[in-house]
Amino acid sequence: MSGMQDYGSRISDPNSRKMGTFSYLPQLTPEELRKQVEYIVSKGWNPAIEHTEPENMRSNYWYMWKLPMFGETDVDAIFNEIEMCKKANPGNHVRLVGYDNFKQSQGTSMVVHRADMTA
């Protein structure tokens, strides 16, 4: 055995496709996801929520859900926006971005909801 792990991502299987930070790890628990959002807030990054259809998930351009949440420090408010985005776009993937306004770039980006692609 070579010791190399095969992640089983196949283009023919949309549910196996990897996208973004943490996609090779097991699904984050709500507590783990909360810690990631707390990290974004602690760094002073501006959270933003984006979504896209599963067939467009590999595109660099996702739809922005409202404007970035400039200066938001309430973790629960960020989760509420994620939930509203999921409800308004039930067939879409949703990701959270933390924008670092000092470096003028994304500090982090992670998919927080994968659309059910079995239907």
N, C-alpha and C. Protein backbone atom coordinates (compact mmCIF):
# COMPACT_ATOMS: atom_id res chain seq x y z
N MET A 1 0.85 -1.18 0.00
CA MET A 1 0.00 0.00 0.00
C MET A 1 0.89 1.24 0.00
N SER A 2 0.57 2.20 -0.81
CA SER A 2 1.42 3.38 -0.99
C SER A 2 1.26 4.41 0.12
N GLY A 3 0.20 4.36 0.88
CA GLY A 3 -0.04 5.35 1.91
C GLY A 3 -0.69 6.62 1.38
N MET A 4 -0.91 6.69 0.07
CA MET A 4 -1.55 7.86 -0.51
C MET A 4 -3.06 7.68 -0.44
N GLN A 5 -3.74 8.74 -0.04
CA GLN A 5 -5.19 8.67 0.10
C GLN A 5 -5.86 9.16 -1.17
N ASP A 6 -6.88 8.44 -1.63
CA ASP A 6 -7.68 8.86 -2.77
C ASP A 6 -8.96 9.48 -2.23
N TYR A 7 -9.21 10.73 -2.56
CA TYR A 7 -10.37 11.43 -2.02
C TYR A 7 -11.66 11.12 -2.77
N GLY A 8 -11.57 10.41 -3.84
CA GLY A 8 -12.79 9.96 -4.54
C GLY A 8 -13.59 11.08 -5.18
N SER A 9 -12.96 12.14 -5.61
CA SER A 9 -13.65 13.21 -6.29
C SER A 9 -13.70 12.89 -7.78
N ARG A 10 -14.90 12.84 -8.32
CA ARG A 10 -15.07 12.48 -9.73
C ARG A 10 -15.97 13.51 -10.41
N ILE A 11 -15.59 13.91 -11.60
CA ILE A 11 -16.41 14.86 -12.35
C ILE A 11 -17.78 14.27 -12.63
N SER A 12 -17.85 12.96 -12.83
CA SER A 12 -19.13 12.33 -13.13
C SER A 12 -20.06 12.26 -11.92
N ASP A 13 -19.54 12.51 -10.72
CA ASP A 13 -20.36 12.47 -9.50
C ASP A 13 -20.36 13.85 -8.85
N PRO A 14 -21.40 14.66 -9.10
CA PRO A 14 -21.42 16.02 -8.57
C PRO A 14 -21.31 16.09 -7.05
N ASN A 15 -21.80 15.09 -6.33
CA ASN A 15 -21.73 15.12 -4.87
C ASN A 15 -20.32 14.90 -4.34
N SER A 16 -19.43 14.39 -5.17
CA SER A 16 -18.06 14.13 -4.70
C SER A 16 -17.11 15.28 -5.00
N ARG A 17 -17.54 16.25 -5.75
CA ARG A 17 -16.65 17.34 -6.17
C ARG A 17 -16.20 18.17 -4.97
N LYS A 18 -14.94 18.52 -4.99
CA LYS A 18 -14.36 19.31 -3.91
C LYS A 18 -14.35 20.78 -4.31
N MET A 19 -14.66 21.62 -3.35
CA MET A 19 -14.66 23.06 -3.64
C MET A 19 -14.31 23.85 -2.40
N GLY A 20 -13.17 24.49 -2.44
CA GLY A 20 -12.81 25.43 -1.40
C GLY A 20 -12.22 24.84 -0.14
N THR A 21 -11.98 25.75 0.80
CA THR A 21 -11.42 25.41 2.09
C THR A 21 -12.27 24.36 2.79
N PHE A 22 -11.65 23.40 3.37
CA PHE A 22 -12.28 22.33 4.17
C PHE A 22 -13.03 21.28 3.36
N SER A 23 -13.04 21.36 2.05
CA SER A 23 -13.86 20.43 1.28
C SER A 23 -13.32 19.00 1.29
N TYR A 24 -12.06 18.83 1.69
CA TYR A 24 -11.51 17.48 1.78
C TYR A 24 -11.66 16.89 3.18
N LEU A 25 -12.24 17.66 4.08
CA LEU A 25 -12.47 17.20 5.45
C LEU A 25 -13.92 16.79 5.60
N PRO A 26 -14.24 16.06 6.66
CA PRO A 26 -15.65 15.77 6.92
C PRO A 26 -16.42 17.07 7.11
N GLN A 27 -17.73 17.03 6.89
CA GLN A 27 -18.59 18.20 7.07
C GLN A 27 -18.36 18.79 8.46
N LEU A 28 -18.21 20.12 8.53
CA LEU A 28 -18.03 20.77 9.82
C LEU A 28 -19.30 20.67 10.65
N THR A 29 -19.13 20.44 11.94
CA THR A 29 -20.29 20.46 12.84
C THR A 29 -20.72 21.91 13.03
N PRO A 30 -21.92 22.15 13.53
CA PRO A 30 -22.32 23.55 13.79
C PRO A 30 -21.36 24.27 14.73
N GLU A 31 -20.81 23.57 15.70
CA GLU A 31 -19.86 24.19 16.63
C GLU A 31 -18.56 24.56 15.92
N GLU A 32 -18.08 23.68 15.05
CA GLU A 32 -16.85 23.96 14.30
C GLU A 32 -17.05 25.13 13.33
N LEU A 33 -18.21 25.16 12.69
CA LEU A 33 -18.51 26.26 11.78
C LEU A 33 -18.60 27.58 12.56
N ARG A 34 -19.20 27.53 13.72
CA ARG A 34 -19.29 28.74 14.56
C ARG A 34 -17.89 29.26 14.91
N LYS A 35 -16.97 28.35 15.20
CA LYS A 35 -15.59 28.77 15.51
C LYS A 35 -14.95 29.46 14.31
N GLN A 36 -15.25 28.98 13.11
CA GLN A 36 -14.70 29.61 11.90
C GLN A 36 -15.26 31.03 11.73
N VAL A 37 -16.56 31.19 11.99
CA VAL A 37 -17.17 32.52 11.88
C VAL A 37 -16.61 33.43 12.97
N GLU A 38 -16.42 32.90 14.17
CA GLU A 38 -15.81 33.69 15.25
C GLU A 38 -14.40 34.12 14.87
N TYR A 39 -13.67 33.27 14.17
CA TYR A 39 -12.32 33.61 13.72
C TYR A 39 -12.37 34.77 12.73
N ILE A 40 -13.30 34.71 11.78
CA ILE A 40 -13.45 35.80 10.81
C ILE A 40 -13.70 37.11 11.53
N VAL A 41 -14.61 37.09 12.50
CA VAL A 41 -14.93 38.30 13.26
C VAL A 41 -13.72 38.77 14.07
N SER A 42 -13.01 37.83 14.70
CA SER A 42 -11.86 38.20 15.55
C SER A 42 -10.73 38.84 14.74
N LYS A 43 -10.62 38.47 13.46
CA LYS A 43 -9.59 39.05 12.59
C LYS A 43 -10.00 40.43 12.06
N GLY A 44 -11.26 40.82 12.30
CA GLY A 44 -11.74 42.09 11.78
C GLY A 44 -12.11 42.05 10.32
N TRP A 45 -12.23 40.84 9.77
CA TRP A 45 -12.59 40.69 8.36
C TRP A 45 -14.08 40.94 8.18
N ASN A 46 -14.45 41.40 7.01
CA ASN A 46 -15.85 41.67 6.71
C ASN A 46 -16.48 40.43 6.08
N PRO A 47 -17.48 39.85 6.74
CA PRO A 47 -18.12 38.66 6.18
C PRO A 47 -19.02 39.01 5.00
N ALA A 48 -19.06 38.11 4.05
CA ALA A 48 -19.96 38.23 2.90
C ALA A 48 -20.47 36.83 2.57
N ILE A 49 -21.68 36.77 2.08
CA ILE A 49 -22.30 35.49 1.74
C ILE A 49 -22.55 35.47 0.24
N GLU A 50 -22.21 34.35 -0.38
CA GLU A 50 -22.40 34.17 -1.81
C GLU A 50 -23.12 32.84 -2.06
N HIS A 51 -23.73 32.72 -3.23
CA HIS A 51 -24.41 31.47 -3.58
C HIS A 51 -24.35 31.26 -5.09
N THR A 52 -24.49 30.00 -5.48
CA THR A 52 -24.53 29.67 -6.91
C THR A 52 -25.21 28.33 -7.12
N GLU A 53 -25.63 28.11 -8.35
CA GLU A 53 -26.22 26.83 -8.72
C GLU A 53 -25.11 25.77 -8.74
N PRO A 54 -25.44 24.53 -8.42
CA PRO A 54 -24.43 23.47 -8.41
C PRO A 54 -23.66 23.34 -9.72
N GLU A 55 -24.33 23.55 -10.84
CA GLU A 55 -23.62 23.40 -12.12
C GLU A 55 -22.61 24.52 -12.37
N ASN A 56 -22.69 25.60 -11.60
CA ASN A 56 -21.75 26.71 -11.75
C ASN A 56 -20.76 26.82 -10.59
N MET A 57 -20.68 25.80 -9.76
CA MET A 57 -19.88 25.89 -8.54
C MET A 57 -18.40 26.07 -8.80
N ARG A 58 -17.91 25.68 -9.94
CA ARG A 58 -16.48 25.79 -10.22
C ARG A 58 -16.11 27.14 -10.82
N SER A 59 -17.12 27.98 -11.03
CA SER A 59 -16.88 29.32 -11.56
C SER A 59 -16.31 30.21 -10.46
N ASN A 60 -15.52 31.18 -10.85
CA ASN A 60 -15.00 32.15 -9.89
C ASN A 60 -16.05 33.14 -9.44
N TYR A 61 -17.12 33.24 -10.19
CA TYR A 61 -18.13 34.26 -9.92
C TYR A 61 -19.40 33.63 -9.35
N TRP A 62 -19.63 33.87 -8.08
CA TRP A 62 -20.85 33.44 -7.41
C TRP A 62 -21.70 34.69 -7.18
N TYR A 63 -23.02 34.51 -7.03
CA TYR A 63 -23.90 35.64 -6.76
C TYR A 63 -23.67 36.12 -5.33
N MET A 64 -23.62 37.42 -5.15
CA MET A 64 -23.47 37.97 -3.81
C MET A 64 -24.85 38.06 -3.16
N TRP A 65 -24.95 37.58 -1.94
CA TRP A 65 -26.18 37.71 -1.17
C TRP A 65 -26.08 39.04 -0.42
N LYS A 66 -26.84 40.01 -0.86
CA LYS A 66 -26.79 41.36 -0.29
C LYS A 66 -25.37 41.93 -0.40
N LEU A 67 -25.08 42.97 0.33
CA LEU A 67 -23.73 43.54 0.36
C LEU A 67 -22.91 42.83 1.43
N PRO A 68 -21.58 42.94 1.37
CA PRO A 68 -20.79 42.39 2.48
C PRO A 68 -21.26 43.03 3.80
N MET A 69 -21.10 42.30 4.86
CA MET A 69 -21.58 42.75 6.18
C MET A 69 -20.46 43.56 6.85
N PHE A 70 -20.21 44.75 6.33
CA PHE A 70 -19.11 45.59 6.78
C PHE A 70 -19.20 45.86 8.28
N GLY A 71 -18.14 45.50 9.00
CA GLY A 71 -18.05 45.78 10.43
C GLY A 71 -18.90 44.88 11.32
N GLU A 72 -19.54 43.86 10.76
CA GLU A 72 -20.41 43.00 11.57
C GLU A 72 -19.58 42.18 12.55
N THR A 73 -19.95 42.23 13.81
CA THR A 73 -19.25 41.46 14.85
C THR A 73 -20.16 40.47 15.55
N ASP A 74 -21.45 40.47 15.20
CA ASP A 74 -22.41 39.57 15.82
C ASP A 74 -22.46 38.25 15.02
N VAL A 75 -21.90 37.21 15.60
CA VAL A 75 -21.83 35.91 14.93
C VAL A 75 -23.23 35.40 14.60
N ASP A 76 -24.18 35.60 15.51
CA ASP A 76 -25.55 35.14 15.27
C ASP A 76 -26.19 35.86 14.08
N ALA A 77 -25.88 37.14 13.89
CA ALA A 77 -26.40 37.89 12.75
C ALA A 77 -25.86 37.30 11.44
N ILE A 78 -24.60 36.89 11.45
CA ILE A 78 -24.00 36.28 10.26
C ILE A 78 -24.69 34.95 9.96
N PHE A 79 -24.92 34.13 11.00
CA PHE A 79 -25.62 32.87 10.78
C PHE A 79 -27.05 33.09 10.30
N ASN A 80 -27.72 34.13 10.79
CA ASN A 80 -29.07 34.44 10.33
C ASN A 80 -29.07 34.76 8.84
N GLU A 81 -28.07 35.51 8.38
CA GLU A 81 -27.98 35.82 6.95
C GLU A 81 -27.71 34.57 6.12
N ILE A 82 -26.86 33.68 6.64
CA ILE A 82 -26.61 32.41 5.94
C ILE A 82 -27.91 31.64 5.79
N GLU A 83 -28.69 31.56 6.86
CA GLU A 83 -29.97 30.84 6.82
C GLU A 83 -30.95 31.48 5.85
N MET A 84 -31.01 32.81 5.84
CA MET A 84 -31.91 33.49 4.90
C MET A 84 -31.50 33.23 3.46
N CYS A 85 -30.20 33.21 3.19
CA CYS A 85 -29.71 32.92 1.85
C CYS A 85 -30.09 31.49 1.44
N LYS A 86 -29.90 30.54 2.37
CA LYS A 86 -30.25 29.14 2.08
C LYS A 86 -31.73 29.00 1.78
N LYS A 87 -32.58 29.67 2.54
CA LYS A 87 -34.03 29.58 2.33
C LYS A 87 -34.46 30.24 1.03
N ALA A 88 -33.82 31.34 0.68
CA ALA A 88 -34.18 32.05 -0.55
C ALA A 88 -33.64 31.36 -1.81
N ASN A 89 -32.60 30.53 -1.64
CA ASN A 89 -31.96 29.85 -2.76
C ASN A 89 -31.74 28.38 -2.41
N PRO A 90 -32.85 27.62 -2.25
CA PRO A 90 -32.73 26.26 -1.72
C PRO A 90 -31.93 25.29 -2.59
N GLY A 91 -31.82 25.54 -3.87
CA GLY A 91 -31.08 24.63 -4.74
C GLY A 91 -29.64 25.04 -4.96
N ASN A 92 -29.17 26.03 -4.23
CA ASN A 92 -27.83 26.57 -4.45
C ASN A 92 -26.85 26.21 -3.34
N HIS A 93 -25.57 26.18 -3.70
CA HIS A 93 -24.51 26.11 -2.70
C HIS A 93 -24.36 27.51 -2.10
N VAL A 94 -23.95 27.56 -0.84
CA VAL A 94 -23.75 28.85 -0.16
C VAL A 94 -22.35 28.85 0.44
N ARG A 95 -21.64 29.95 0.25
CA ARG A 95 -20.32 30.06 0.88
C ARG A 95 -20.20 31.37 1.64
N LEU A 96 -19.32 31.33 2.63
CA LEU A 96 -19.02 32.49 3.46
C LEU A 96 -17.61 32.95 3.12
N VAL A 97 -17.46 34.23 2.91
CA VAL A 97 -16.17 34.83 2.59
C VAL A 97 -15.83 35.83 3.69
N GLY A 98 -14.57 35.85 4.11
CA GLY A 98 -14.09 36.87 5.04
C GLY A 98 -13.13 37.77 4.29
N TYR A 99 -13.54 39.03 4.05
CA TYR A 99 -12.70 39.97 3.31
C TYR A 99 -11.79 40.73 4.27
N ASP A 100 -10.50 40.70 3.98
CA ASP A 100 -9.51 41.43 4.75
C ASP A 100 -9.34 42.80 4.09
N ASN A 101 -9.89 43.83 4.72
CA ASN A 101 -9.87 45.14 4.08
C ASN A 101 -8.50 45.81 4.13
N PHE A 102 -7.57 45.31 4.92
CA PHE A 102 -6.21 45.87 4.93
C PHE A 102 -5.37 45.32 3.79
N LYS A 103 -5.50 44.03 3.53
CA LYS A 103 -4.75 43.40 2.43
C LYS A 103 -5.52 43.46 1.11
N GLN A 104 -6.77 43.92 1.17
CA GLN A 104 -7.62 44.03 -0.02
C GLN A 104 -7.77 42.69 -0.73
N SER A 105 -8.05 41.65 0.06
CA SER A 105 -8.20 40.31 -0.51
C SER A 105 -9.10 39.48 0.41
N GLN A 106 -9.38 38.27 -0.04
CA GLN A 106 -10.13 37.35 0.80
C GLN A 106 -9.19 36.76 1.85
N GLY A 107 -9.59 36.84 3.10
CA GLY A 107 -8.83 36.20 4.16
C GLY A 107 -9.16 34.72 4.22
N THR A 108 -10.41 34.40 3.94
CA THR A 108 -10.86 33.01 3.89
C THR A 108 -12.14 32.92 3.08
N SER A 109 -12.44 31.71 2.66
CA SER A 109 -13.67 31.44 1.93
C SER A 109 -14.00 29.97 2.16
N MET A 110 -15.24 29.69 2.51
CA MET A 110 -15.62 28.30 2.75
C MET A 110 -17.08 28.07 2.39
N VAL A 111 -17.36 26.91 1.84
CA VAL A 111 -18.74 26.53 1.56
C VAL A 111 -19.38 26.13 2.88
N VAL A 112 -20.49 26.79 3.20
CA VAL A 112 -21.18 26.52 4.46
C VAL A 112 -22.45 25.71 4.25
N HIS A 113 -22.84 25.55 2.99
CA HIS A 113 -24.03 24.73 2.67
C HIS A 113 -23.88 24.19 1.26
N ARG A 114 -23.97 22.89 1.14
CA ARG A 114 -23.98 22.25 -0.18
C ARG A 114 -25.41 21.87 -0.52
N ALA A 115 -25.84 22.30 -1.69
CA ALA A 115 -27.20 21.97 -2.14
C ALA A 115 -27.33 20.46 -2.30
N ASP A 116 -28.52 19.96 -2.07
CA ASP A 116 -28.79 18.54 -2.27
C ASP A 116 -28.84 18.28 -3.77
N MET A 117 -27.89 17.50 -4.26
CA MET A 117 -27.80 17.26 -5.70
C MET A 117 -28.31 15.87 -6.08
N THR A 118 -29.00 15.23 -5.16
CA THR A 118 -29.54 13.90 -5.46
C THR A 118 -30.94 13.99 -6.07
N ALA A 119 -31.58 15.14 -5.93
CA ALA A 119 -32.95 15.28 -6.41
C ALA A 119 -32.99 15.48 -7.90
